[in-house]
PDB file of N, CA and C in Angstrom:
ATOM      1  N   MET A   1      69.818  66.755  40.918  1.00  0.00           N
ATOM      2  CA  MET A   1      71.157  67.292  41.088  1.00  0.00           C
ATOM      3  C   MET A   1      72.034  66.230  41.761  1.00  0.00           C
ATOM      4  N   VAL A   2      73.241  66.030  41.266  1.00  0.00           N
ATOM      5  CA  VAL A   2      74.149  65.023  41.795  1.00  0.00           C
ATOM      6  C   VAL A   2      75.171  65.698  42.683  1.00  0.00           C
ATOM      7  N   ARG A   3      75.339  65.161  43.886  1.00  0.00           N
ATOM      8  CA  ARG A   3      76.353  65.672  44.801  1.00  0.00           C
ATOM      9  C   ARG A   3      77.528  64.709  44.782  1.00  0.00           C
ATOM     10  N   ILE A   4      78.699  65.230  44.496  1.00  0.00           N
ATOM     11  CA  ILE A   4      79.890  64.395  44.410  1.00  0.00           C
ATOM     12  C   ILE A   4      80.827  64.758  45.547  1.00  0.00           C
ATOM     13  N   GLY A   5      81.288  63.749  46.288  1.00  0.00           N
ATOM     14  CA  GLY A   5      82.286  63.960  47.325  1.00  0.00           C
ATOM     15  C   GLY A   5      81.797  64.755  48.520  1.00  0.00           C
ATOM     16  N   VAL A   6      80.525  64.703  48.820  1.00  0.00           N
ATOM     17  CA  VAL A   6      79.991  65.439  49.951  1.00  0.00           C
ATOM     18  C   VAL A   6      80.247  64.652  51.218  1.00  0.00           C
ATOM     19  N   ALA A   7      80.821  65.311  52.231  1.00  0.00           N
ATOM     20  CA  ALA A   7      81.075  64.638  53.501  1.00  0.00           C
ATOM     21  C   ALA A   7      79.749  64.204  54.098  1.00  0.00           C
ATOM     22  N   GLY A   8      79.717  62.985  54.617  1.00  0.00           N
ATOM     23  CA  GLY A   8      78.495  62.468  55.200  1.00  0.00           C
ATOM     24  C   GLY A   8      77.805  61.444  54.317  1.00  0.00           C
ATOM     25  N   ASP A   9      78.235  61.316  53.080  1.00  0.00           N
ATOM     26  CA  ASP A   9      77.648  60.351  52.164  1.00  0.00           C
ATOM     27  C   ASP A   9      78.590  59.160  52.034  1.00  0.00           C
ATOM     28  N   GLY A  10      78.020  58.001  51.781  1.00  0.00           N
ATOM     29  CA  GLY A  10      78.820  56.840  51.444  1.00  0.00           C
ATOM     30  C   GLY A  10      79.465  56.157  52.631  1.00  0.00           C
ATOM     31  N   ARG A  11      80.337  55.245  52.297  1.00  0.00           N
ATOM     32  CA  ARG A  11      80.967  54.377  53.277  1.00  0.00           C
ATOM     33  C   ARG A  11      81.827  55.124  54.280  1.00  0.00           C
ATOM     34  N   TRP A  12      82.586  56.092  53.837  1.00  0.00           N
ATOM     35  CA  TRP A  12      83.525  56.796  54.700  1.00  0.00           C
ATOM     36  C   TRP A  12      83.004  58.159  55.138  1.00  0.00           C
ATOM     37  N   GLY A  13      81.724  58.412  54.945  1.00  0.00           N
ATOM     38  CA  GLY A  13      81.155  59.720  55.228  1.00  0.00           C
ATOM     39  C   GLY A  13      81.360  60.207  56.648  1.00  0.00           C
ATOM     40  N   ALA A  14      81.163  59.343  57.626  1.00  0.00           N
ATOM     41  CA  ALA A  14      81.318  59.753  59.022  1.00  0.00           C
ATOM     42  C   ALA A  14      82.773  60.133  59.316  1.00  0.00           C
ATOM     43  N   LYS A  15      83.710  59.355  58.782  1.00  0.00           N
ATOM     44  CA  LYS A  15      85.134  59.643  58.982  1.00  0.00           C
ATOM     45  C   LYS A  15      85.505  60.972  58.333  1.00  0.00           C
ATOM     46  N   TYR A  16      85.035  61.193  57.094  1.00  0.00           N
ATOM     47  CA  TYR A  16      85.341  62.432  56.390  1.00  0.00           C
ATOM     48  C   TYR A  16      84.742  63.631  57.107  1.00  0.00           C
ATOM     49  N   GLN A  17      83.541  63.476  57.640  1.00  0.00           N
ATOM     50  CA  GLN A  17      82.894  64.571  58.369  1.00  0.00           C
ATOM     51  C   GLN A  17      83.690  64.917  59.627  1.00  0.00           C
ATOM     52  N   GLU A  18      84.191  63.902  60.321  1.00  0.00           N
ATOM     53  CA  GLU A  18      84.999  64.130  61.521  1.00  0.00           C
ATOM     54  C   GLU A  18      86.311  64.831  61.168  1.00  0.00           C
ATOM     55  N   GLN A  19      86.957  64.406  60.072  1.00  0.00           N
ATOM     56  CA  GLN A  19      88.202  65.045  59.632  1.00  0.00           C
ATOM     57  C   GLN A  19      87.948  66.494  59.230  1.00  0.00           C
ATOM     58  N   LYS A  20      86.839  66.732  58.556  1.00  0.00           N
ATOM     59  CA  LYS A  20      86.495  68.091  58.141  1.00  0.00           C
ATOM     60  C   LYS A  20      86.306  68.998  59.346  1.00  0.00           C
ATOM     61  N   GLN A  21      85.575  68.512  60.353  1.00  0.00           N
ATOM     62  CA  GLN A  21      85.340  69.317  61.546  1.00  0.00           C
ATOM     63  C   GLN A  21      86.644  69.588  62.290  1.00  0.00           C
ATOM     64  N   SER A  22      87.513  68.588  62.393  1.00  0.00           N
ATOM     65  CA  SER A  22      88.809  68.780  63.050  1.00  0.00           C
ATOM     66  C   SER A  22      89.663  69.796  62.305  1.00  0.00           C
ATOM     67  N   LEU A  23      89.630  69.734  60.989  1.00  0.00           N
ATOM     68  CA  LEU A  23      90.413  70.663  60.177  1.00  0.00           C
ATOM     69  C   LEU A  23      89.904  72.093  60.321  1.00  0.00           C
ATOM     70  N   LEU A  24      88.587  72.261  60.346  1.00  0.00           N
ATOM     71  CA  LEU A  24      88.011  73.600  60.445  1.00  0.00           C
ATOM     72  C   LEU A  24      88.214  74.228  61.817  1.00  0.00           C
ATOM     73  N   THR A  25      88.351  73.419  62.862  1.00  0.00           N
ATOM     74  CA  THR A  25      88.536  73.964  64.210  1.00  0.00           C
ATOM     75  C   THR A  25      90.001  73.980  64.637  1.00  0.00           C
ATOM     76  N   MET A  26      90.898  73.598  63.751  1.00  0.00           N
ATOM     77  CA  MET A  26      92.325  73.544  64.046  1.00  0.00           C
ATOM     78  C   MET A  26      92.902  74.955  64.178  1.00  0.00           C
ATOM     79  N   GLU A  27      93.853  75.119  65.091  1.00  0.00           N
ATOM     80  CA  GLU A  27      94.554  76.398  65.213  1.00  0.00           C
ATOM     81  C   GLU A  27      95.381  76.632  63.954  1.00  0.00           C
ATOM     82  N   PHE A  28      95.557  77.913  63.612  1.00  0.00           N
ATOM     83  CA  PHE A  28      96.238  78.248  62.364  1.00  0.00           C
ATOM     84  C   PHE A  28      97.679  77.753  62.352  1.00  0.00           C
ATOM     85  N   LYS A  29      98.381  77.869  63.469  1.00  0.00           N
ATOM     86  CA  LYS A  29      99.773  77.431  63.523  1.00  0.00           C
ATOM     87  C   LYS A  29      99.879  75.922  63.268  1.00  0.00           C
ATOM     88  N   ARG A  30      98.970  75.157  63.830  1.00  0.00           N
ATOM     89  CA  ARG A  30      98.975  73.713  63.605  1.00  0.00           C
ATOM     90  C   ARG A  30      98.599  73.396  62.161  1.00  0.00           C
ATOM     91  N   PHE A  31      97.625  74.128  61.607  1.00  0.00           N
ATOM     92  CA  PHE A  31      97.246  73.941  60.211  1.00  0.00           C
ATOM     93  C   PHE A  31      98.448  74.144  59.291  1.00  0.00           C
ATOM     94  N   LEU A  32      99.215  75.198  59.529  1.00  0.00           N
ATOM     95  CA  LEU A  32     100.407  75.437  58.718  1.00  0.00           C
ATOM     96  C   LEU A  32     101.384  74.270  58.803  1.00  0.00           C
ATOM     97  N   ASN A  33     101.583  73.770  60.014  1.00  0.00           N
ATOM     98  CA  ASN A  33     102.562  72.699  60.202  1.00  0.00           C
ATOM     99  C   ASN A  33     102.130  71.377  59.586  1.00  0.00           C
ATOM    100  N   VAL A  34     100.836  71.047  59.631  1.00  0.00           N
ATOM    101  CA  VAL A  34     100.421  69.729  59.127  1.00  0.00           C
ATOM    102  C   VAL A  34     100.002  69.745  57.664  1.00  0.00           C
ATOM    103  N   MET A  35      99.621  70.917  57.117  1.00  0.00           N
ATOM    104  CA  MET A  35      99.112  70.939  55.741  1.00  0.00           C
ATOM    105  C   MET A  35      99.993  71.741  54.769  1.00  0.00           C
ATOM    106  N   MET A  36     100.700  72.731  55.236  1.00  0.00           N
ATOM    107  CA  MET A  36     101.426  73.612  54.321  1.00  0.00           C
ATOM    108  C   MET A  36     102.942  73.417  54.354  1.00  0.00           C
ATOM    109  N   ARG A  37     103.494  73.261  55.505  1.00  0.00           N
ATOM    110  CA  ARG A  37     104.952  73.152  55.632  1.00  0.00           C
ATOM    111  C   ARG A  37     105.392  71.702  55.541  1.00  0.00           C
ATOM    112  N   LEU A  38     105.317  71.164  54.353  1.00  0.00           N
ATOM    113  CA  LEU A  38     105.677  69.774  54.118  1.00  0.00           C
ATOM    114  C   LEU A  38     106.966  69.718  53.308  1.00  0.00           C
ATOM    115  N   PRO A  39     107.905  68.873  53.729  1.00  0.00           N
ATOM    116  CA  PRO A  39     109.110  68.719  52.917  1.00  0.00           C
ATOM    117  C   PRO A  39     108.751  68.060  51.585  1.00  0.00           C
ATOM    118  N   CYS A  40     109.177  68.695  50.512  1.00  0.00           N
ATOM    119  CA  CYS A  40     108.758  68.250  49.187  1.00  0.00           C
ATOM    120  C   CYS A  40     109.907  68.438  48.200  1.00  0.00           C
ATOM    121  N   GLN A  41     110.081  67.478  47.326  1.00  0.00           N
ATOM    122  CA  GLN A  41     111.067  67.569  46.261  1.00  0.00           C
ATOM    123  C   GLN A  41     110.317  67.859  44.965  1.00  0.00           C
ATOM    124  N   VAL A  42     110.745  68.883  44.247  1.00  0.00           N
ATOM    125  CA  VAL A  42     110.084  69.272  43.004  1.00  0.00           C
ATOM    126  C   VAL A  42     110.946  68.805  41.840  1.00  0.00           C
ATOM    127  N   LEU A  43     110.357  68.011  40.955  1.00  0.00           N
ATOM    128  CA  LEU A  43     111.076  67.456  39.810  1.00  0.00           C
ATOM    129  C   LEU A  43     110.404  67.877  38.520  1.00  0.00           C
ATOM    130  N   ARG A  44     111.204  68.153  37.502  1.00  0.00           N
ATOM    131  CA  ARG A  44     110.669  68.385  36.165  1.00  0.00           C
ATOM    132  C   ARG A  44     111.026  67.178  35.317  1.00  0.00           C
ATOM    133  N   THR A  45     110.004  66.471  34.866  1.00  0.00           N
ATOM    134  CA  THR A  45     110.228  65.288  34.041  1.00  0.00           C
ATOM    135  C   THR A  45     109.407  65.441  32.776  1.00  0.00           C
ATOM    136  N   GLY A  46     110.065  65.476  31.667  1.00  0.00           N
ATOM    137  CA  GLY A  46     109.351  65.650  30.401  1.00  0.00           C
ATOM    138  C   GLY A  46     108.597  66.967  30.408  1.00  0.00           C
ATOM    139  N   ARG A  47     107.294  66.904  30.276  1.00  0.00           N
ATOM    140  CA  ARG A  47     106.464  68.103  30.274  1.00  0.00           C
ATOM    141  C   ARG A  47     105.649  68.226  31.553  1.00  0.00           C
ATOM    142  N   ARG A  48     106.031  67.497  32.581  1.00  0.00           N
ATOM    143  CA  ARG A  48     105.282  67.496  33.829  1.00  0.00           C
ATOM    144  C   ARG A  48     106.141  67.995  34.979  1.00  0.00           C
ATOM    145  N   ILE A  49     105.507  68.489  36.003  1.00  0.00           N
ATOM    146  CA  ILE A  49     106.164  68.823  37.247  1.00  0.00           C
ATOM    147  C   ILE A  49     105.647  67.838  38.283  1.00  0.00           C
ATOM    148  N   VAL A  50     106.570  67.153  38.969  1.00  0.00           N
ATOM    149  CA  VAL A  50     106.210  66.151  39.962  1.00  0.00           C
ATOM    150  C   VAL A  50     106.617  66.669  41.327  1.00  0.00           C
ATOM    151  N   TYR A  51     105.679  66.625  42.276  1.00  0.00           N
ATOM    152  CA  TYR A  51     105.948  66.997  43.654  1.00  0.00           C
ATOM    153  C   TYR A  51     106.054  65.717  44.465  1.00  0.00           C
ATOM    154  N   ARG A  52     107.241  65.419  44.956  1.00  0.00           N
ATOM    155  CA  ARG A  52     107.461  64.191  45.730  1.00  0.00           C
ATOM    156  C   ARG A  52     107.479  64.556  47.213  1.00  0.00           C
ATOM    157  N   LEU A  53     106.468  64.080  47.936  1.00  0.00           N
ATOM    158  CA  LEU A  53     106.381  64.356  49.366  1.00  0.00           C
ATOM    159  C   LEU A  53     107.387  63.488  50.101  1.00  0.00           C
ATOM    160  N   LEU A  54     108.193  64.103  50.971  1.00  0.00           N
ATOM    161  CA  LEU A  54     109.291  63.392  51.616  1.00  0.00           C
ATOM    162  C   LEU A  54     108.982  62.967  53.046  1.00  0.00           C
ATOM    163  N   SER A  55     107.804  63.233  53.527  1.00  0.00           N
ATOM    164  CA  SER A  55     107.422  62.793  54.870  1.00  0.00           C
ATOM    165  C   SER A  55     105.944  62.430  54.873  1.00  0.00           C
ATOM    166  N   TRP A  56     105.496  61.877  55.990  1.00  0.00           N
ATOM    167  CA  TRP A  56     104.105  61.481  56.121  1.00  0.00           C
ATOM    168  C   TRP A  56     103.586  61.933  57.472  1.00  0.00           C
ATOM    169  N   ASN A  57     102.326  62.344  57.508  1.00  0.00           N
ATOM    170  CA  ASN A  57     101.649  62.617  58.768  1.00  0.00           C
ATOM    171  C   ASN A  57     100.200  62.159  58.621  1.00  0.00           C
ATOM    172  N   PRO A  58      99.460  62.049  59.713  1.00  0.00           N
ATOM    173  CA  PRO A  58      98.094  61.536  59.632  1.00  0.00           C
ATOM    174  C   PRO A  58      97.152  62.388  58.776  1.00  0.00           C
ATOM    175  N   TRP A  59      97.508  63.629  58.494  1.00  0.00           N
ATOM    176  CA  TRP A  59      96.657  64.511  57.696  1.00  0.00           C
ATOM    177  C   TRP A  59      96.940  64.407  56.206  1.00  0.00           C
ATOM    178  N   MET A  60      97.908  63.594  55.814  1.00  0.00           N
ATOM    179  CA  MET A  60      98.264  63.461  54.402  1.00  0.00           C
ATOM    180  C   MET A  60      97.084  62.935  53.575  1.00  0.00           C
ATOM    181  N   GLU A  61      96.301  62.030  54.158  1.00  0.00           N
ATOM    182  CA  GLU A  61      95.131  61.493  53.468  1.00  0.00           C
ATOM    183  C   GLU A  61      94.156  62.610  53.093  1.00  0.00           C
ATOM    184  N   VAL A  62      93.928  63.530  54.024  1.00  0.00           N
ATOM    185  CA  VAL A  62      93.009  64.649  53.785  1.00  0.00           C
ATOM    186  C   VAL A  62      93.587  65.579  52.716  1.00  0.00           C
ATOM    187  N   LEU A  63      94.883  65.860  52.797  1.00  0.00           N
ATOM    188  CA  LEU A  63      95.528  66.738  51.822  1.00  0.00           C
ATOM    189  C   LEU A  63      95.439  66.159  50.410  1.00  0.00           C
ATOM    190  N   LEU A  64      95.743  64.884  50.254  1.00  0.00           N
ATOM    191  CA  LEU A  64      95.717  64.267  48.932  1.00  0.00           C
ATOM    192  C   LEU A  64      94.294  64.168  48.382  1.00  0.00           C
ATOM    193  N   ARG A  65      93.322  63.944  49.257  1.00  0.00           N
ATOM    194  CA  ARG A  65      91.928  63.924  48.815  1.00  0.00           C
ATOM    195  C   ARG A  65      91.504  65.315  48.340  1.00  0.00           C
ATOM    196  N   ALA A  66      91.969  66.364  49.038  1.00  0.00           N
ATOM    197  CA  ALA A  66      91.652  67.735  48.625  1.00  0.00           C
ATOM    198  C   ALA A  66      92.313  68.082  47.294  1.00  0.00           C
ATOM    199  N   VAL A  67      93.555  67.664  47.116  1.00  0.00           N
ATOM    200  CA  VAL A  67      94.259  67.923  45.852  1.00  0.00           C
ATOM    201  C   VAL A  67      93.528  67.247  44.703  1.00  0.00           C
ATOM    202  N   GLU A  68      93.094  66.007  44.915  1.00  0.00           N
ATOM    203  CA  GLU A  68      92.380  65.273  43.871  1.00  0.00           C
ATOM    204  C   GLU A  68      91.056  65.951  43.524  1.00  0.00           C
ATOM    205  N   THR A  69      90.387  66.497  44.532  1.00  0.00           N
ATOM    206  CA  THR A  69      89.113  67.176  44.298  1.00  0.00           C
ATOM    207  C   THR A  69      89.311  68.504  43.577  1.00  0.00           C
ATOM    208  N   LEU A  70      90.378  69.226  43.920  1.00  0.00           N
ATOM    209  CA  LEU A  70      90.603  70.554  43.358  1.00  0.00           C
ATOM    210  C   LEU A  70      91.375  70.539  42.049  1.00  0.00           C
ATOM    211  N   ARG A  71      91.906  69.384  41.651  1.00  0.00           N
ATOM    212  CA  ARG A  71      92.675  69.292  40.415  1.00  0.00           C
ATOM    213  C   ARG A  71      91.785  69.665  39.228  1.00  0.00           C
ATOM    214  N   PRO A  72      92.244  70.580  38.395  1.00  0.00           N
ATOM    215  CA  PRO A  72      91.407  70.970  37.251  1.00  0.00           C
ATOM    216  C   PRO A  72      91.277  69.832  36.242  1.00  0.00           C
ATOM    217  N   VAL A  73      90.141  69.763  35.638  1.00  0.00           N
ATOM    218  CA  VAL A  73      89.891  68.767  34.601  1.00  0.00           C
ATOM    219  C   VAL A  73      90.498  69.288  33.304  1.00  0.00           C
ATOM    220  N   ARG A  74      91.299  68.460  32.667  1.00  0.00           N
ATOM    221  CA  ARG A  74      91.917  68.868  31.405  1.00  0.00           C
ATOM    222  C   ARG A  74      90.934  68.633  30.267  1.00  0.00           C
ATOM    223  N   VAL A  75      90.650  69.692  29.534  1.00  0.00           N
ATOM    224  CA  VAL A  75      89.745  69.611  28.404  1.00  0.00           C
ATOM    225  C   VAL A  75      90.571  69.733  27.132  1.00  0.00           C
ATOM    226  N   VAL A  76      90.476  68.719  26.288  1.00  0.00           N
ATOM    227  CA  VAL A  76      91.223  68.719  25.028  1.00  0.00           C
ATOM    228  C   VAL A  76      90.321  69.346  23.966  1.00  0.00           C
ATOM    229  N   PRO A  77      90.799  70.390  23.289  1.00  0.00           N
ATOM    230  CA  PRO A  77      89.985  70.998  22.230  1.00  0.00           C
ATOM    231  C   PRO A  77      89.655  69.979  21.146  1.00  0.00           C
ATOM    232  N   TYR A  78      88.517  70.163  20.518  1.00  0.00           N
ATOM    233  CA  TYR A  78      88.035  69.223  19.505  1.00  0.00           C
ATOM    234  C   TYR A  78      89.040  69.103  18.350  1.00  0.00           C
ATOM    235  N   ALA A  79      89.651  70.208  17.951  1.00  0.00           N
ATOM    236  CA  ALA A  79      90.579  70.193  16.827  1.00  0.00           C
ATOM    237  C   ALA A  79      91.801  69.330  17.136  1.00  0.00           C
ATOM    238  N   ALA A  80      92.226  69.264  18.398  1.00  0.00           N
ATOM    239  CA  ALA A  80      93.393  68.475  18.757  1.00  0.00           C
ATOM    240  C   ALA A  80      93.101  66.971  18.748  1.00  0.00           C
ATOM    241  N   ARG A  81      91.823  66.600  18.902  1.00  0.00           N
ATOM    242  CA  ARG A  81      91.442  65.183  18.925  1.00  0.00           C
ATOM    243  C   ARG A  81      91.409  64.581  17.524  1.00  0.00           C
ATOM    244  N   CYS A  82      91.264  65.384  16.505  1.00  0.00           N
ATOM    245  CA  CYS A  82      91.108  64.880  15.125  1.00  0.00           C
ATOM    246  C   CYS A  82      92.441  64.510  14.507  1.00  0.00           C
TER     247      CYS A  82
END
């Protein structure tokens, strides 16, 4: 069985594990302020929606890593490939 992106593995494992523990023990009000209440500009370009983050905080790295992990994989039907 292959484990992908598990905290504690690889070069940055210790750092990721520390960030995970800090995030899990964070007070809810602080969690809202650093992860949810972010100034963002929403743009529609072509057939895509772009979210442009307008500020930065030290937790942005964790947020973007989570978004990348949770992003659904796009599966193209076989008929569309032909």
